[in-house]
Amino acid sequence: MPSLYRCENTKSLETIKNEQYEKRGEKKPSPSKKKKINFNTCKKNTLNSLNEVEHFLRNFSGFMKYVKLYKILK
């Protein structure tokens, strides 16, 4: 059965970089440190995005009025 996703067939970026270092005979670079998750900033970002979506949906009827007017004047 063929795979459904293209990403299954491709190599990861890290694997490709490691193969390139091995070909050159260089040492592999040490893995970069992962950033810790800061829940306060994640919470603020989530709330901001939800507020933006809510604002857009509340003003959607006003936006539709402009679209209808544009179609009439077109």
C-alpha atoms as a PDB file:
ATOM      1  CA  MET A   1       0.000   0.000   0.000  1.00  0.00           C
ATOM      2  CA  PRO A   2       1.508   3.358  -0.947  1.00  0.00           C
ATOM      3  CA  SER A   3       2.165   5.835   1.810  1.00  0.00           C
ATOM      4  CA  LEU A   4      -0.309   8.656   2.148  1.00  0.00           C
ATOM      5  CA  TYR A   5       2.116  11.342   3.200  1.00  0.00           C
ATOM      6  CA  ARG A   6       5.200  12.582   1.432  1.00  0.00           C
ATOM      7  CA  CYS A   7       7.012  13.136   4.702  1.00  0.00           C
ATOM      8  CA  GLU A   8       7.218   9.369   5.206  1.00  0.00           C
ATOM      9  CA  ASN A   9       9.427   9.036   2.137  1.00  0.00           C
ATOM     10  CA  THR A  10      11.780  11.907   2.878  1.00  0.00           C
ATOM     11  CA  LYS A  11      14.705  11.948   5.243  1.00  0.00           C
ATOM     12  CA  SER A  12      14.713  14.292   8.165  1.00  0.00           C
ATOM     13  CA  LEU A  13      16.872  17.386   7.980  1.00  0.00           C
ATOM     14  CA  GLU A  14      19.056  16.189  10.853  1.00  0.00           C
ATOM     15  CA  THR A  15      19.747  12.888   9.095  1.00  0.00           C
ATOM     16  CA  ILE A  16      20.843  14.697   5.945  1.00  0.00           C
ATOM     17  CA  LYS A  17      23.142  17.016   7.922  1.00  0.00           C
ATOM     18  CA  ASN A  18      24.682  14.101   9.796  1.00  0.00           C
ATOM     19  CA  GLU A  19      25.376  12.260   6.524  1.00  0.00           C
ATOM     20  CA  GLN A  20      27.074  15.359   5.118  1.00  0.00           C
ATOM     21  CA  TYR A  21      29.335  15.630   8.183  1.00  0.00           C
ATOM     22  CA  GLU A  22      30.245  11.951   7.902  1.00  0.00           C
ATOM     23  CA  LYS A  23      31.179  12.368   4.237  1.00  0.00           C
ATOM     24  CA  ARG A  24      33.494  15.268   5.082  1.00  0.00           C
ATOM     25  CA  GLY A  25      35.052  13.403   7.973  1.00  0.00           C
ATOM     26  CA  GLU A  26      34.099  16.083  10.480  1.00  0.00           C
ATOM     27  CA  LYS A  27      32.712  15.607  13.950  1.00  0.00           C
ATOM     28  CA  LYS A  28      29.011  15.894  14.404  1.00  0.00           C
ATOM     29  CA  PRO A  29      27.947  19.131  16.083  1.00  0.00           C
ATOM     30  CA  SER A  30      26.470  18.823  19.522  1.00  0.00           C
ATOM     31  CA  PRO A  31      22.667  18.949  19.508  1.00  0.00           C
ATOM     32  CA  SER A  32      21.229  22.336  20.316  1.00  0.00           C
ATOM     33  CA  LYS A  33      19.502  22.770  23.630  1.00  0.00           C
ATOM     34  CA  LYS A  34      15.740  22.796  23.460  1.00  0.00           C
ATOM     35  CA  LYS A  35      13.973  25.779  24.892  1.00  0.00           C
ATOM     36  CA  LYS A  36      11.828  25.143  27.901  1.00  0.00           C
ATOM     37  CA  ILE A  37       8.139  25.709  27.445  1.00  0.00           C
ATOM     38  CA  ASN A  38       7.022  28.874  29.142  1.00  0.00           C
ATOM     39  CA  PHE A  39       3.376  28.330  29.957  1.00  0.00           C
ATOM     40  CA  ASN A  40       2.722  31.986  30.736  1.00  0.00           C
ATOM     41  CA  THR A  41       3.688  33.135  27.232  1.00  0.00           C
ATOM     42  CA  CYS A  42       1.793  30.208  25.673  1.00  0.00           C
ATOM     43  CA  LYS A  43      -1.273  31.199  27.661  1.00  0.00           C
ATOM     44  CA  LYS A  44      -0.997  34.853  26.593  1.00  0.00           C
ATOM     45  CA  ASN A  45      -0.516  33.906  22.942  1.00  0.00           C
ATOM     46  CA  THR A  46      -3.504  31.563  23.033  1.00  0.00           C
ATOM     47  CA  LEU A  47      -5.738  34.170  24.636  1.00  0.00           C
ATOM     48  CA  ASN A  48      -4.642  36.817  22.138  1.00  0.00           C
ATOM     49  CA  SER A  49      -5.348  34.588  19.168  1.00  0.00           C
ATOM     50  CA  LEU A  50      -8.760  33.586  20.550  1.00  0.00           C
ATOM     51  CA  ASN A  51      -9.621  37.252  21.069  1.00  0.00           C
ATOM     52  CA  GLU A  52      -8.634  38.042  17.483  1.00  0.00           C
ATOM     53  CA  VAL A  53     -10.807  35.220  16.148  1.00  0.00           C
ATOM     54  CA  GLU A  54     -13.750  36.317  18.283  1.00  0.00           C
ATOM     55  CA  HIS A  55     -13.333  39.925  17.112  1.00  0.00           C
ATOM     56  CA  PHE A  56     -13.283  38.808  13.466  1.00  0.00           C
ATOM     57  CA  LEU A  57     -16.369  36.633  13.837  1.00  0.00           C
ATOM     58  CA  ARG A  58     -18.337  39.377  15.579  1.00  0.00           C
ATOM     59  CA  ASN A  59     -17.543  41.843  12.786  1.00  0.00           C
ATOM     60  CA  PHE A  60     -18.109  39.322   9.995  1.00  0.00           C
ATOM     61  CA  SER A  61     -21.619  40.588   9.250  1.00  0.00           C
ATOM     62  CA  GLY A  62     -20.232  44.086   8.742  1.00  0.00           C
ATOM     63  CA  PHE A  63     -17.596  42.679   6.425  1.00  0.00           C
ATOM     64  CA  MET A  64     -20.270  40.887   4.387  1.00  0.00           C
ATOM     65  CA  LYS A  65     -22.080  44.199   3.866  1.00  0.00           C
ATOM     66  CA  TYR A  66     -18.957  45.625   2.216  1.00  0.00           C
ATOM     67  CA  VAL A  67     -18.618  42.518   0.029  1.00  0.00           C
ATOM     68  CA  LYS A  68     -22.217  42.812  -1.147  1.00  0.00           C
ATOM     69  CA  LEU A  69     -21.753  46.529  -1.859  1.00  0.00           C
ATOM     70  CA  TYR A  70     -18.584  45.760  -3.829  1.00  0.00           C
ATOM     71  CA  LYS A  71     -20.423  43.147  -5.914  1.00  0.00           C
ATOM     72  CA  ILE A  72     -23.220  45.633  -6.680  1.00  0.00           C
ATOM     73  CA  LEU A  73     -20.838  48.430  -7.665  1.00  0.00           C
ATOM     74  CA  LYS A  74     -18.642  46.104  -9.690  1.00  0.00           C
END
